[in-house]
Amino acid sequence: MARAFCACRSAEQPSPIAPQRVIDVVSGLPRHLGRDMRIGIDATSRHAPGRGVHWRRCDFLGFRIRWKRKRGTNKWYVYTFIADRPVRSVKAKIRALTHKTSQWHLANVLTRLGQIMRGWANYFKHAVAKHTFSKLDTFTWWRLAHMLRARHGWNWGQLRRNLTTASGRWQLAADGVEYFRIEGVTVSRYVYRGNKIPTPWPSTNPA
């Protein structure tokens, strides 16, 4: 597992990482980890001098780690995005809770949605996730809106009257439980820690 630690440590900050080193790390992972990690390697093109094989991306523990050029510059960094599979998984859970024929009380639905999305957001909030959070927030809001329309027989005007406050602000709430806006979660990524990152290996130079 020491080599796996090396991969995660390098992907934690936006510093260039040697592609060949990542490939070596992935090759040394145990087989049960290899099933959860897919790596794309372009072995026939884009051979930069001194870089070896060009590393494109890998999916690991729900994250998509990509080696890409920073917009507006010629510098390449490691970026951590949310992979497609976790998004599909959380959307399936949201669909199951917000079906049009659901008989769950709205307060219970909002509570369970809040638990799911808070845990999901806390796990992924250190990735490039703001756009994904916003899309997921919109998806969930519309699922709830369609569920309430079907449940109460409301048209869009009635939905608006029932879900807006006196100030005109939209508010989804029931029995004191409000809809959790995942798009409001603060995303903090790429905190540079330099040589402060602990390593499992003993120092080669004790002095």
N, C-alpha and C. Protein backbone atom coordinates (compact mmCIF):
# COMPACT_ATOMS: atom_id res chain seq x y z
N MET A 1 0.81 -1.21 0.00
CA MET A 1 0.00 0.00 0.00
C MET A 1 0.84 1.26 0.00
N ALA A 2 2.14 1.13 0.18
CA ALA A 2 3.00 2.31 0.18
C ALA A 2 2.97 3.00 -1.17
N ARG A 3 2.93 2.21 -2.25
CA ARG A 3 2.91 2.81 -3.58
C ARG A 3 1.58 3.51 -3.85
N ALA A 4 0.48 2.93 -3.36
CA ALA A 4 -0.82 3.57 -3.53
C ALA A 4 -0.83 4.93 -2.84
N PHE A 5 -0.19 5.01 -1.67
CA PHE A 5 -0.10 6.27 -0.95
C PHE A 5 0.59 7.32 -1.81
N CYS A 6 1.58 6.92 -2.56
CA CYS A 6 2.32 7.84 -3.41
C CYS A 6 1.42 8.45 -4.46
N ALA A 7 0.52 7.66 -5.04
CA ALA A 7 -0.38 8.17 -6.07
C ALA A 7 -1.33 9.19 -5.50
N CYS A 8 -1.93 8.88 -4.32
CA CYS A 8 -2.88 9.80 -3.72
C CYS A 8 -2.19 11.08 -3.28
N ARG A 9 -0.99 10.95 -2.77
CA ARG A 9 -0.25 12.12 -2.31
C ARG A 9 0.04 13.05 -3.46
N SER A 10 0.40 12.52 -4.61
CA SER A 10 0.75 13.36 -5.75
C SER A 10 -0.47 14.03 -6.34
N ALA A 11 -1.64 13.36 -6.26
CA ALA A 11 -2.85 13.92 -6.85
C ALA A 11 -3.53 14.92 -5.93
N GLU A 12 -2.99 15.12 -4.75
CA GLU A 12 -3.64 15.97 -3.77
C GLU A 12 -3.39 17.45 -4.04
N GLN A 13 -2.41 17.79 -4.80
CA GLN A 13 -2.07 19.18 -5.03
C GLN A 13 -1.82 19.39 -6.52
N PRO A 14 -1.91 20.65 -7.02
CA PRO A 14 -1.83 20.89 -8.46
C PRO A 14 -0.41 21.01 -8.96
N SER A 15 0.44 20.10 -8.55
CA SER A 15 1.82 20.15 -9.01
C SER A 15 2.03 19.10 -10.08
N PRO A 16 2.91 19.36 -11.06
CA PRO A 16 3.13 18.38 -12.11
C PRO A 16 3.62 17.06 -11.53
N ILE A 17 3.17 15.96 -12.13
CA ILE A 17 3.54 14.63 -11.67
C ILE A 17 4.05 13.85 -12.87
N ALA A 18 5.11 13.11 -12.69
CA ALA A 18 5.69 12.35 -13.79
C ALA A 18 4.72 11.26 -14.23
N PRO A 19 4.23 11.26 -15.47
CA PRO A 19 3.26 10.26 -15.91
C PRO A 19 3.77 8.84 -15.77
N GLN A 20 5.05 8.61 -16.09
CA GLN A 20 5.57 7.25 -16.01
C GLN A 20 5.55 6.75 -14.57
N ARG A 21 5.74 7.66 -13.62
CA ARG A 21 5.72 7.26 -12.21
C ARG A 21 4.32 6.79 -11.81
N VAL A 22 3.29 7.50 -12.31
CA VAL A 22 1.92 7.09 -12.01
C VAL A 22 1.63 5.72 -12.58
N ILE A 23 2.10 5.47 -13.82
CA ILE A 23 1.89 4.18 -14.45
C ILE A 23 2.56 3.08 -13.65
N ASP A 24 3.77 3.34 -13.16
CA ASP A 24 4.47 2.35 -12.34
C ASP A 24 3.70 2.06 -11.05
N VAL A 25 3.15 3.13 -10.46
CA VAL A 25 2.39 2.97 -9.22
C VAL A 25 1.17 2.10 -9.45
N VAL A 26 0.42 2.40 -10.53
CA VAL A 26 -0.80 1.64 -10.82
C VAL A 26 -0.46 0.18 -11.10
N SER A 27 0.63 -0.06 -11.81
CA SER A 27 1.02 -1.43 -12.12
C SER A 27 1.35 -2.22 -10.87
N GLY A 28 1.81 -1.53 -9.81
CA GLY A 28 2.19 -2.22 -8.58
C GLY A 28 1.06 -2.40 -7.59
N LEU A 29 -0.14 -1.90 -7.91
CA LEU A 29 -1.25 -2.03 -6.98
C LEU A 29 -1.74 -3.47 -6.89
N PRO A 30 -2.26 -3.89 -5.74
CA PRO A 30 -2.85 -5.23 -5.63
C PRO A 30 -4.01 -5.39 -6.60
N ARG A 31 -4.33 -6.63 -6.94
CA ARG A 31 -5.35 -6.89 -7.95
C ARG A 31 -6.72 -6.36 -7.53
N HIS A 32 -7.06 -6.44 -6.23
CA HIS A 32 -8.38 -6.00 -5.80
C HIS A 32 -8.53 -4.48 -5.93
N LEU A 33 -7.41 -3.74 -5.87
CA LEU A 33 -7.47 -2.31 -6.11
C LEU A 33 -7.51 -2.00 -7.59
N GLY A 34 -6.86 -2.84 -8.38
CA GLY A 34 -6.86 -2.62 -9.81
C GLY A 34 -8.24 -2.69 -10.42
N ARG A 35 -9.14 -3.43 -9.79
CA ARG A 35 -10.50 -3.51 -10.32
C ARG A 35 -11.23 -2.18 -10.16
N ASP A 36 -10.84 -1.38 -9.18
CA ASP A 36 -11.51 -0.10 -8.94
C ASP A 36 -10.80 1.07 -9.61
N MET A 37 -9.71 0.81 -10.26
CA MET A 37 -8.93 1.90 -10.84
C MET A 37 -8.65 1.62 -12.30
N ARG A 38 -9.13 2.50 -13.17
CA ARG A 38 -8.90 2.34 -14.60
C ARG A 38 -8.01 3.49 -15.06
N ILE A 39 -7.00 3.17 -15.83
CA ILE A 39 -6.07 4.21 -16.28
C ILE A 39 -6.00 4.22 -17.80
N GLY A 40 -6.04 5.42 -18.38
CA GLY A 40 -5.93 5.56 -19.82
C GLY A 40 -4.52 5.96 -20.19
N ILE A 41 -3.92 5.22 -21.08
CA ILE A 41 -2.54 5.48 -21.48
C ILE A 41 -2.47 5.60 -22.99
N ASP A 42 -1.92 6.68 -23.47
CA ASP A 42 -1.72 6.87 -24.89
C ASP A 42 -0.26 6.53 -25.18
N ALA A 43 -0.03 5.32 -25.68
CA ALA A 43 1.33 4.84 -25.84
C ALA A 43 1.88 5.08 -27.24
N THR A 44 1.08 5.69 -28.10
CA THR A 44 1.50 5.84 -29.48
C THR A 44 1.71 7.28 -29.91
N SER A 45 1.20 8.24 -29.11
CA SER A 45 1.31 9.63 -29.53
C SER A 45 1.59 10.51 -28.33
N ARG A 46 1.90 11.78 -28.61
CA ARG A 46 2.14 12.81 -27.60
C ARG A 46 3.25 12.40 -26.64
N HIS A 47 4.35 11.96 -27.18
CA HIS A 47 5.51 11.62 -26.35
C HIS A 47 6.34 12.88 -26.15
N ALA A 48 6.17 13.52 -25.00
CA ALA A 48 6.95 14.71 -24.71
C ALA A 48 8.35 14.29 -24.28
N PRO A 49 9.37 15.06 -24.67
CA PRO A 49 10.74 14.69 -24.30
C PRO A 49 10.88 14.59 -22.79
N GLY A 50 11.41 13.47 -22.34
CA GLY A 50 11.68 13.29 -20.93
C GLY A 50 10.49 12.89 -20.10
N ARG A 51 9.30 12.75 -20.73
CA ARG A 51 8.11 12.41 -19.95
C ARG A 51 7.70 10.96 -20.11
N GLY A 52 8.22 10.28 -21.10
CA GLY A 52 7.82 8.89 -21.31
C GLY A 52 6.43 8.81 -21.88
N VAL A 53 5.65 7.85 -21.45
CA VAL A 53 4.30 7.68 -21.97
C VAL A 53 3.39 8.76 -21.41
N HIS A 54 2.51 9.29 -22.26
CA HIS A 54 1.62 10.36 -21.83
C HIS A 54 0.47 9.78 -21.00
N TRP A 55 0.29 10.30 -19.80
CA TRP A 55 -0.77 9.85 -18.90
C TRP A 55 -1.98 10.74 -19.09
N ARG A 56 -3.17 10.15 -19.30
CA ARG A 56 -4.36 10.93 -19.54
C ARG A 56 -5.23 11.07 -18.30
N ARG A 57 -5.69 9.95 -17.75
CA ARG A 57 -6.59 10.05 -16.60
C ARG A 57 -6.67 8.69 -15.91
N CYS A 58 -7.18 8.71 -14.68
CA CYS A 58 -7.50 7.47 -13.98
C CYS A 58 -8.66 7.74 -13.03
N ASP A 59 -9.51 6.75 -12.83
CA ASP A 59 -10.62 6.82 -11.89
C ASP A 59 -10.26 6.02 -10.65
N PHE A 60 -10.40 6.64 -9.49
CA PHE A 60 -10.02 5.96 -8.26
C PHE A 60 -10.88 6.46 -7.11
N LEU A 61 -11.58 5.54 -6.44
CA LEU A 61 -12.40 5.85 -5.27
C LEU A 61 -13.42 6.95 -5.55
N GLY A 62 -13.99 6.93 -6.75
CA GLY A 62 -15.02 7.90 -7.10
C GLY A 62 -14.50 9.18 -7.72
N PHE A 63 -13.19 9.37 -7.72
CA PHE A 63 -12.61 10.58 -8.29
C PHE A 63 -12.02 10.28 -9.67
N ARG A 64 -12.07 11.25 -10.54
CA ARG A 64 -11.39 11.16 -11.83
C ARG A 64 -10.18 12.08 -11.79
N ILE A 65 -9.01 11.50 -11.80
CA ILE A 65 -7.76 12.25 -11.69
C ILE A 65 -7.22 12.44 -13.11
N ARG A 66 -7.07 13.69 -13.50
CA ARG A 66 -6.69 13.98 -14.88
C ARG A 66 -5.46 14.87 -14.93
N TRP A 67 -4.62 14.58 -15.89
CA TRP A 67 -3.44 15.39 -16.18
C TRP A 67 -3.83 16.28 -17.35
N LYS A 68 -4.01 17.57 -17.11
CA LYS A 68 -4.48 18.45 -18.18
C LYS A 68 -3.86 19.83 -18.06
N ARG A 69 -3.94 20.55 -19.16
CA ARG A 69 -3.36 21.89 -19.21
C ARG A 69 -4.29 22.89 -18.53
N LYS A 70 -3.71 23.78 -17.74
CA LYS A 70 -4.49 24.82 -17.10
C LYS A 70 -4.94 25.82 -18.14
N ARG A 71 -6.21 26.20 -18.08
CA ARG A 71 -6.78 27.12 -19.07
C ARG A 71 -6.03 28.45 -19.09
N GLY A 72 -5.65 28.87 -20.29
CA GLY A 72 -4.96 30.14 -20.45
C GLY A 72 -3.47 30.10 -20.25
N THR A 73 -2.94 28.90 -19.96
CA THR A 73 -1.51 28.77 -19.74
C THR A 73 -0.99 27.56 -20.51
N ASN A 74 0.32 27.39 -20.49
CA ASN A 74 0.94 26.20 -21.08
C ASN A 74 1.42 25.23 -20.00
N LYS A 75 0.93 25.42 -18.78
CA LYS A 75 1.36 24.57 -17.67
C LYS A 75 0.35 23.42 -17.49
N TRP A 76 0.90 22.24 -17.18
CA TRP A 76 0.09 21.06 -16.97
C TRP A 76 0.05 20.70 -15.49
N TYR A 77 -1.14 20.36 -15.01
CA TYR A 77 -1.32 20.02 -13.60
C TYR A 77 -2.19 18.77 -13.47
N VAL A 78 -2.19 18.21 -12.27
CA VAL A 78 -3.10 17.11 -11.95
C VAL A 78 -4.37 17.72 -11.34
N TYR A 79 -5.52 17.43 -11.96
CA TYR A 79 -6.81 17.91 -11.47
C TYR A 79 -7.65 16.72 -11.02
N THR A 80 -8.41 16.92 -9.97
CA THR A 80 -9.27 15.86 -9.44
C THR A 80 -10.73 16.25 -9.64
N PHE A 81 -11.44 15.50 -10.47
CA PHE A 81 -12.85 15.72 -10.74
C PHE A 81 -13.68 14.61 -10.09
N ILE A 82 -15.00 14.73 -10.17
CA ILE A 82 -15.90 13.66 -9.73
C ILE A 82 -16.16 12.75 -10.92
N ALA A 83 -15.97 11.46 -10.74
CA ALA A 83 -16.20 10.51 -11.83
C ALA A 83 -17.69 10.40 -12.14
N ASP A 84 -18.01 9.76 -13.26
CA ASP A 84 -19.41 9.65 -13.68
C ASP A 84 -20.21 8.68 -12.82
N ARG A 85 -19.57 7.62 -12.37
CA ARG A 85 -20.30 6.58 -11.64
C ARG A 85 -20.92 7.08 -10.34
N PRO A 86 -20.21 7.84 -9.48
CA PRO A 86 -20.84 8.35 -8.26
C PRO A 86 -22.01 9.28 -8.53
N VAL A 87 -21.94 10.06 -9.62
CA VAL A 87 -23.04 10.95 -9.97
C VAL A 87 -24.28 10.14 -10.34
N ARG A 88 -24.07 9.09 -11.16
CA ARG A 88 -25.20 8.24 -11.53
C ARG A 88 -25.79 7.55 -10.30
N SER A 89 -24.93 7.15 -9.38
CA SER A 89 -25.40 6.46 -8.17
C SER A 89 -26.24 7.37 -7.29
N VAL A 90 -25.79 8.60 -7.06
CA VAL A 90 -26.54 9.49 -6.18
C VAL A 90 -27.84 9.95 -6.86
N LYS A 91 -27.83 10.08 -8.18
CA LYS A 91 -29.06 10.42 -8.89
C LYS A 91 -30.10 9.31 -8.78
N ALA A 92 -29.63 8.06 -8.82
CA ALA A 92 -30.55 6.93 -8.67
C ALA A 92 -31.21 6.95 -7.29
N LYS A 93 -30.46 7.31 -6.25
CA LYS A 93 -31.02 7.40 -4.90
C LYS A 93 -32.04 8.53 -4.81
N ILE A 94 -31.74 9.65 -5.47
CA ILE A 94 -32.66 10.79 -5.46
C ILE A 94 -33.94 10.44 -6.21
N ARG A 95 -33.82 9.75 -7.33
CA ARG A 95 -35.02 9.34 -8.08
C ARG A 95 -35.91 8.41 -7.24
N ALA A 96 -35.27 7.50 -6.52
CA ALA A 96 -36.04 6.57 -5.70
C ALA A 96 -36.82 7.28 -4.60
N LEU A 97 -36.29 8.39 -4.08
CA LEU A 97 -36.96 9.12 -3.01
C LEU A 97 -38.01 10.10 -3.53
N THR A 98 -37.91 10.52 -4.78
CA THR A 98 -38.77 11.59 -5.29
C THR A 98 -39.67 11.11 -6.42
N HIS A 99 -40.04 9.85 -6.41
CA HIS A 99 -40.94 9.36 -7.44
C HIS A 99 -42.31 10.04 -7.32
N LYS A 100 -42.98 10.24 -8.44
CA LYS A 100 -44.25 10.96 -8.44
C LYS A 100 -45.31 10.27 -7.59
N THR A 101 -45.22 8.95 -7.47
CA THR A 101 -46.21 8.21 -6.68
C THR A 101 -45.76 7.95 -5.25
N SER A 102 -44.67 8.59 -4.83
CA SER A 102 -44.15 8.38 -3.48
C SER A 102 -45.16 8.84 -2.43
N GLN A 103 -45.33 8.03 -1.39
CA GLN A 103 -46.26 8.35 -0.31
C GLN A 103 -45.53 8.83 0.95
N TRP A 104 -44.22 9.01 0.84
CA TRP A 104 -43.47 9.51 1.98
C TRP A 104 -43.88 10.95 2.30
N HIS A 105 -43.90 11.25 3.59
CA HIS A 105 -44.16 12.63 4.00
C HIS A 105 -43.01 13.50 3.51
N LEU A 106 -43.33 14.72 3.09
CA LEU A 106 -42.31 15.60 2.51
C LEU A 106 -41.16 15.84 3.49
N ALA A 107 -41.47 15.97 4.77
CA ALA A 107 -40.40 16.20 5.76
C ALA A 107 -39.43 15.02 5.80
N ASN A 108 -39.95 13.80 5.69
CA ASN A 108 -39.08 12.63 5.68
C ASN A 108 -38.23 12.57 4.41
N VAL A 109 -38.83 12.95 3.29
CA VAL A 109 -38.08 12.97 2.03
C VAL A 109 -36.95 13.99 2.11
N LEU A 110 -37.24 15.18 2.61
CA LEU A 110 -36.22 16.22 2.71
C LEU A 110 -35.12 15.83 3.68
N THR A 111 -35.50 15.17 4.77
CA THR A 111 -34.49 14.73 5.75
C THR A 111 -33.54 13.72 5.12
N ARG A 112 -34.10 12.73 4.44
CA ARG A 112 -33.26 11.70 3.83
C ARG A 112 -32.41 12.26 2.70
N LEU A 113 -32.99 13.16 1.90
CA LEU A 113 -32.20 13.80 0.84
C LEU A 113 -31.05 14.60 1.42
N GLY A 114 -31.31 15.29 2.51
CA GLY A 114 -30.25 16.07 3.16
C GLY A 114 -29.13 15.19 3.65
N GLN A 115 -29.47 14.04 4.23
CA GLN A 115 -28.44 13.12 4.71
C GLN A 115 -27.58 12.61 3.56
N ILE A 116 -28.23 12.22 2.47
CA ILE A 116 -27.50 11.69 1.32
C ILE A 116 -26.59 12.74 0.71
N MET A 117 -27.13 13.93 0.45
CA MET A 117 -26.37 14.95 -0.26
C MET A 117 -25.30 15.59 0.61
N ARG A 118 -25.54 15.69 1.91
CA ARG A 118 -24.49 16.22 2.79
C ARG A 118 -23.29 15.28 2.82
N GLY A 119 -23.55 13.99 2.99
CA GLY A 119 -22.44 13.04 3.00
C GLY A 119 -21.70 13.02 1.68
N TRP A 120 -22.46 13.06 0.58
CA TRP A 120 -21.86 13.03 -0.76
C TRP A 120 -21.01 14.27 -1.00
N ALA A 121 -21.55 15.43 -0.62
CA ALA A 121 -20.83 16.68 -0.83
C ALA A 121 -19.58 16.77 0.04
N ASN A 122 -19.65 16.30 1.27
CA ASN A 122 -18.47 16.34 2.16
C ASN A 122 -17.34 15.47 1.62
N TYR A 123 -17.70 14.39 0.93
CA TYR A 123 -16.68 13.50 0.37
C TYR A 123 -16.01 14.12 -0.85
N PHE A 124 -16.79 14.81 -1.67
CA PHE A 124 -16.27 15.30 -2.95
C PHE A 124 -15.96 16.80 -2.96
N LYS A 125 -16.08 17.48 -1.82
CA LYS A 125 -15.94 18.94 -1.83
C LYS A 125 -14.51 19.42 -2.05
N HIS A 126 -13.53 18.52 -2.05
CA HIS A 126 -12.16 18.93 -2.31
C HIS A 126 -11.76 18.68 -3.76
N ALA A 127 -12.72 18.27 -4.59
CA ALA A 127 -12.45 18.08 -6.02
C ALA A 127 -12.93 19.31 -6.79
N VAL A 128 -12.78 19.28 -8.11
CA VAL A 128 -13.36 20.33 -8.97
C VAL A 128 -14.84 19.99 -9.08
N ALA A 129 -15.63 20.47 -8.12
CA ALA A 129 -16.99 19.94 -7.96
C ALA A 129 -18.10 20.98 -8.01
N LYS A 130 -17.77 22.26 -8.13
CA LYS A 130 -18.81 23.28 -8.02
C LYS A 130 -19.87 23.14 -9.10
N HIS A 131 -19.45 22.90 -10.33
CA HIS A 131 -20.41 22.75 -11.44
C HIS A 131 -21.28 21.51 -11.23
N THR A 132 -20.68 20.42 -10.78
CA THR A 132 -21.43 19.19 -10.53
C THR A 132 -22.44 19.39 -9.41
N PHE A 133 -22.06 20.09 -8.34
CA PHE A 133 -22.97 20.37 -7.24
C PHE A 133 -24.17 21.19 -7.74
N SER A 134 -23.89 22.17 -8.58
CA SER A 134 -24.96 23.02 -9.09
C SER A 134 -25.95 22.22 -9.94
N LYS A 135 -25.43 21.36 -10.81
CA LYS A 135 -26.29 20.53 -11.65
C LYS A 135 -27.11 19.56 -10.82
N LEU A 136 -26.50 18.99 -9.78
CA LEU A 136 -27.21 18.05 -8.93
C LEU A 136 -28.29 18.75 -8.12
N ASP A 137 -28.03 19.98 -7.69
CA ASP A 137 -29.01 20.76 -6.96
C ASP A 137 -30.23 21.03 -7.84
N THR A 138 -29.99 21.43 -9.08
CA THR A 138 -31.09 21.70 -10.01
C THR A 138 -31.89 20.43 -10.29
N PHE A 139 -31.19 19.32 -10.49
CA PHE A 139 -31.85 18.04 -10.75
C PHE A 139 -32.77 17.66 -9.59
N THR A 140 -32.28 17.79 -8.36
CA THR A 140 -33.07 17.40 -7.19
C THR A 140 -34.26 18.32 -7.01
N TRP A 141 -34.05 19.61 -7.21
CA TRP A 141 -35.16 20.58 -7.03
C TRP A 141 -36.30 20.27 -7.99
N TRP A 142 -35.99 19.99 -9.25
CA TRP A 142 -37.04 19.70 -10.22
C TRP A 142 -37.71 18.37 -9.93
N ARG A 143 -36.98 17.39 -9.43
CA ARG A 143 -37.60 16.13 -9.04
C ARG A 143 -38.64 16.38 -7.92
N LEU A 144 -38.30 17.19 -6.93
CA LEU A 144 -39.23 17.51 -5.86
C LEU A 144 -40.43 18.30 -6.38
N ALA A 145 -40.18 19.23 -7.29
CA ALA A 145 -41.27 20.03 -7.84
C ALA A 145 -42.27 19.15 -8.59
N HIS A 146 -41.78 18.23 -9.42
CA HIS A 146 -42.67 17.34 -10.16
C HIS A 146 -43.42 16.39 -9.21
N MET A 147 -42.75 15.95 -8.14
CA MET A 147 -43.40 15.08 -7.17
C MET A 147 -44.55 15.80 -6.48
N LEU A 148 -44.33 17.06 -6.08
CA LEU A 148 -45.36 17.82 -5.39
C LEU A 148 -46.52 18.17 -6.32
N ARG A 149 -46.22 18.45 -7.57
CA ARG A 149 -47.29 18.73 -8.54
C ARG A 149 -48.18 17.52 -8.72
N ALA A 150 -47.56 16.33 -8.86
CA ALA A 150 -48.34 15.11 -9.04
C ALA A 150 -49.13 14.76 -7.77
N ARG A 151 -48.52 15.01 -6.60
CA ARG A 151 -49.17 14.63 -5.34
C ARG A 151 -50.38 15.49 -5.04
N HIS A 152 -50.27 16.80 -5.29
CA HIS A 152 -51.34 17.73 -4.92
C HIS A 152 -52.19 18.18 -6.11
N GLY A 153 -51.81 17.79 -7.31
CA GLY A 153 -52.56 18.23 -8.48
C GLY A 153 -52.38 19.70 -8.79
N TRP A 154 -51.23 20.25 -8.42
CA TRP A 154 -50.97 21.67 -8.65
C TRP A 154 -50.53 21.92 -10.09
N ASN A 155 -50.89 23.10 -10.59
CA ASN A 155 -50.24 23.59 -11.81
C ASN A 155 -49.03 24.41 -11.39
N TRP A 156 -48.32 24.99 -12.36
CA TRP A 156 -47.08 25.70 -12.01
C TRP A 156 -47.36 26.96 -11.19
N GLY A 157 -48.49 27.61 -11.46
CA GLY A 157 -48.83 28.79 -10.67
C GLY A 157 -49.10 28.44 -9.21
N GLN A 158 -49.83 27.35 -9.00
CA GLN A 158 -50.11 26.91 -7.62
C GLN A 158 -48.83 26.45 -6.92
N LEU A 159 -47.95 25.80 -7.67
CA LEU A 159 -46.67 25.38 -7.08
C LEU A 159 -45.88 26.59 -6.61
N ARG A 160 -45.86 27.63 -7.44
CA ARG A 160 -45.11 28.83 -7.08
C ARG A 160 -45.71 29.50 -5.84
N ARG A 161 -47.04 29.58 -5.77
CA ARG A 161 -47.68 30.21 -4.62
C ARG A 161 -47.41 29.45 -3.32
N ASN A 162 -47.32 28.14 -3.42
CA ASN A 162 -47.13 27.33 -2.22
C ASN A 162 -45.67 27.20 -1.80
N LEU A 163 -44.75 27.47 -2.72
CA LEU A 163 -43.33 27.26 -2.40
C LEU A 163 -42.52 28.56 -2.36
N THR A 164 -43.17 29.70 -2.36
CA THR A 164 -42.45 30.96 -2.24
C THR A 164 -42.88 31.69 -0.97
N THR A 165 -41.94 32.43 -0.43
CA THR A 165 -42.23 33.23 0.77
C THR A 165 -42.82 34.57 0.36
N ALA A 166 -43.15 35.40 1.36
CA ALA A 166 -43.73 36.71 1.08
C ALA A 166 -42.76 37.59 0.30
N SER A 167 -41.45 37.34 0.45
CA SER A 167 -40.45 38.14 -0.27
C SER A 167 -40.21 37.62 -1.69
N GLY A 168 -40.88 36.53 -2.08
CA GLY A 168 -40.71 35.98 -3.42
C GLY A 168 -39.61 34.94 -3.52
N ARG A 169 -39.03 34.57 -2.38
CA ARG A 169 -37.94 33.59 -2.38
C ARG A 169 -38.51 32.18 -2.35
N TRP A 170 -37.97 31.32 -3.21
CA TRP A 170 -38.38 29.92 -3.22
C TRP A 170 -37.92 29.23 -1.94
N GLN A 171 -38.81 28.44 -1.36
CA GLN A 171 -38.47 27.72 -0.14
C GLN A 171 -39.19 26.38 -0.10
N LEU A 172 -38.41 25.31 -0.12
CA LEU A 172 -38.96 23.96 0.01
C LEU A 172 -38.74 23.52 1.44
N ALA A 173 -39.83 23.39 2.20
CA ALA A 173 -39.70 23.02 3.61
C ALA A 173 -40.98 22.35 4.07
N ALA A 174 -40.85 21.53 5.12
CA ALA A 174 -42.00 20.88 5.72
C ALA A 174 -41.66 20.52 7.16
N ASP A 175 -42.53 20.92 8.08
CA ASP A 175 -42.33 20.62 9.51
C ASP A 175 -40.96 21.06 10.01
N GLY A 176 -40.52 22.20 9.56
CA GLY A 176 -39.24 22.74 10.01
C GLY A 176 -38.02 22.17 9.31
N VAL A 177 -38.21 21.25 8.37
CA VAL A 177 -37.09 20.67 7.63
C VAL A 177 -37.01 21.33 6.26
N GLU A 178 -35.88 21.97 5.97
CA GLU A 178 -35.71 22.66 4.69
C GLU A 178 -34.91 21.82 3.72
N TYR A 179 -35.13 22.10 2.45
CA TYR A 179 -34.39 21.43 1.39
C TYR A 179 -32.92 21.85 1.45
N PHE A 180 -32.03 20.89 1.49
CA PHE A 180 -30.60 21.16 1.56
C PHE A 180 -30.07 21.52 0.18
N ARG A 181 -29.52 22.73 0.05
CA ARG A 181 -28.98 23.19 -1.23
C ARG A 181 -27.52 22.78 -1.35
N ILE A 182 -27.29 21.72 -2.10
CA ILE A 182 -25.93 21.20 -2.23
C ILE A 182 -25.02 22.17 -2.98
N GLU A 183 -25.62 23.04 -3.81
CA GLU A 183 -24.80 24.00 -4.54
C GLU A 183 -24.19 25.04 -3.61
N GLY A 184 -24.68 25.14 -2.39
CA GLY A 184 -24.12 26.09 -1.43
C GLY A 184 -22.94 25.56 -0.65
N VAL A 185 -22.57 24.29 -0.87
CA VAL A 185 -21.43 23.71 -0.16
C VAL A 185 -20.13 24.36 -0.67
N THR A 186 -19.30 24.77 0.24
CA THR A 186 -18.02 25.40 -0.13
C THR A 186 -17.05 24.36 -0.65
N VAL A 187 -16.50 24.64 -1.82
CA VAL A 187 -15.51 23.75 -2.43
C VAL A 187 -14.13 24.33 -2.16
N SER A 188 -13.29 23.59 -1.46
CA SER A 188 -11.92 24.03 -1.18
C SER A 188 -10.98 22.96 -1.70
N ARG A 189 -10.23 23.29 -2.73
CA ARG A 189 -9.38 22.27 -3.36
C ARG A 189 -7.96 22.78 -3.53
N TYR A 190 -7.06 21.80 -3.66
CA TYR A 190 -5.67 22.08 -3.97
C TYR A 190 -5.00 22.98 -2.94
N VAL A 191 -5.09 22.61 -1.68
CA VAL A 191 -4.39 23.35 -0.64
C VAL A 191 -2.93 22.92 -0.67
N TYR A 192 -2.06 23.84 -0.99
CA TYR A 192 -0.64 23.51 -1.12
C TYR A 192 -0.03 23.33 0.27
N ARG A 193 0.54 22.15 0.47
CA ARG A 193 1.18 21.86 1.76
C ARG A 193 2.67 21.61 1.64
N GLY A 194 3.19 21.65 0.42
CA GLY A 194 4.61 21.53 0.22
C GLY A 194 5.18 20.26 0.81
N ASN A 195 6.25 20.40 1.61
CA ASN A 195 6.90 19.22 2.21
C ASN A 195 6.30 18.87 3.56
N LYS A 196 5.12 19.39 3.87
CA LYS A 196 4.48 19.08 5.15
C LYS A 196 3.63 17.81 5.07
N ILE A 197 3.50 17.22 3.88
CA ILE A 197 2.70 16.01 3.74
C ILE A 197 3.47 14.85 4.36
N PRO A 198 2.88 14.15 5.32
CA PRO A 198 3.61 13.04 5.96
C PRO A 198 3.77 11.88 4.99
N THR A 199 4.88 11.18 5.12
CA THR A 199 5.16 10.01 4.29
C THR A 199 5.42 8.80 5.17
N PRO A 200 5.11 7.60 4.69
CA PRO A 200 5.32 6.39 5.51
C PRO A 200 6.76 5.89 5.47
N TRP A 201 7.63 6.56 4.69
CA TRP A 201 9.00 6.07 4.55
C TRP A 201 9.94 6.85 5.47
N PRO A 202 10.93 6.17 6.03
CA PRO A 202 11.90 6.89 6.88
C PRO A 202 12.76 7.83 6.04
N SER A 203 13.20 8.88 6.65
CA SER A 203 14.03 9.86 5.96
C SER A 203 15.37 9.24 5.58
N THR A 204 15.79 9.53 4.33
CA THR A 204 17.09 8.99 3.88
C THR A 204 18.25 9.84 4.42
N ASN A 205 17.89 11.05 4.85
CA ASN A 205 18.93 11.94 5.37
C ASN A 205 18.50 12.41 6.76
N PRO A 206 18.83 11.65 7.81
CA PRO A 206 18.37 12.01 9.17
C PRO A 206 18.79 13.40 9.58
N ALA A 207 19.89 13.92 9.03
CA ALA A 207 20.35 15.23 9.41
C ALA A 207 19.46 16.31 8.81
